[in-house]
């Protein structure tokens, strides 16, 4: 491990703004895919649809079945000031941890009105910068949230959000089922029912885990040295059936391919020192930085991530710093599409 790999500044790279994908492609499976071979230390340009030929019979493909909910709310204070709340998670019945913009307008006891009979009273402003609010609602809270909440797109996707958005469909995997994320596990956005069927028919075993993506996944790295960097914990569940499937594959020498950094974090967080998964439900708080020894995954499908992000650090730790950063430079020169709605890479 090189000393400079522990400095976040060494995970920076130059990215032209026009390579940041602003919209999903018309067809999910038509994205490009760079294939990185760790053994030969090489990479090649492919299409995502090629994945059915690249995965092998017996491989276990692990997907994150979390579902994005419309977590962004626009409201107004009684004084007339506008407030945007990003709901993170419910800490007790109708009490939510949120991020507010602008937070300086909110004080304990203030009330934000959203329409459709929904209001939020400010309970507490925490030292971490989040705001606890207690919602009051006329009718079913989830129904109201679905009607007035907006898809919580990342800030680098810039478009008019006033109109009804197609993102409710496209910023969601086709296998999403467990509601609770404020961001999509974006590596999974490329899959279609047909691709999943083709993989299953080939003999690839598809296993589901659940990690509800929170703000910590994409929060900026604030530490200069990765030795002091930590990623916030996220709610995660791995069932007995999922753990058994992965453990059996490892025992039989079959590959485990994680779809995305969230599936990776789930698997590695629930593994004991021998690499055996222990089923359960808890907070996944593992931070993967250089020097980490991967216990479970043998391959990783992932999108292209932000410079100096914890996700890029994770990917380079798995794929190798020089190889992955070289692949990123190649992706820029070949004009791959970056970030949530962008292209992907398969690291084997």
Foldseek 3Di string as FASTA:
>chain_A
DDPCLQFLVLLFDDFPLVLADQDFDPALQAAKAWEAELVVLDIDIGTSLCVLVVDAALEEEEEAQAWAFLQWAWWAWPVGDIKIWGFQDAPDVQKTWIAMVVPVVDDQQTKTDGDQQKIWGFHDQDPVRITIIGIDGDDDPSVVCRVGGHQLDDPSNDDDRPDDDPCSPQQTAPNHDHYHASHRLQLRSSDDPVSVVSNVVNNHHYAYWHWHHGPQQWDAFPDRGNVPTWGDWTKIFDAPVRLVSQQVSVVVVHAYEYRHPRSQLRQQQQADPQSRGDGDIDIRTDQDAAPDDRRGHPKYKYFADHGSGSRSRNVCNVSPVVSVVVVVVVCSVVSWRHDRSTHIYMYD
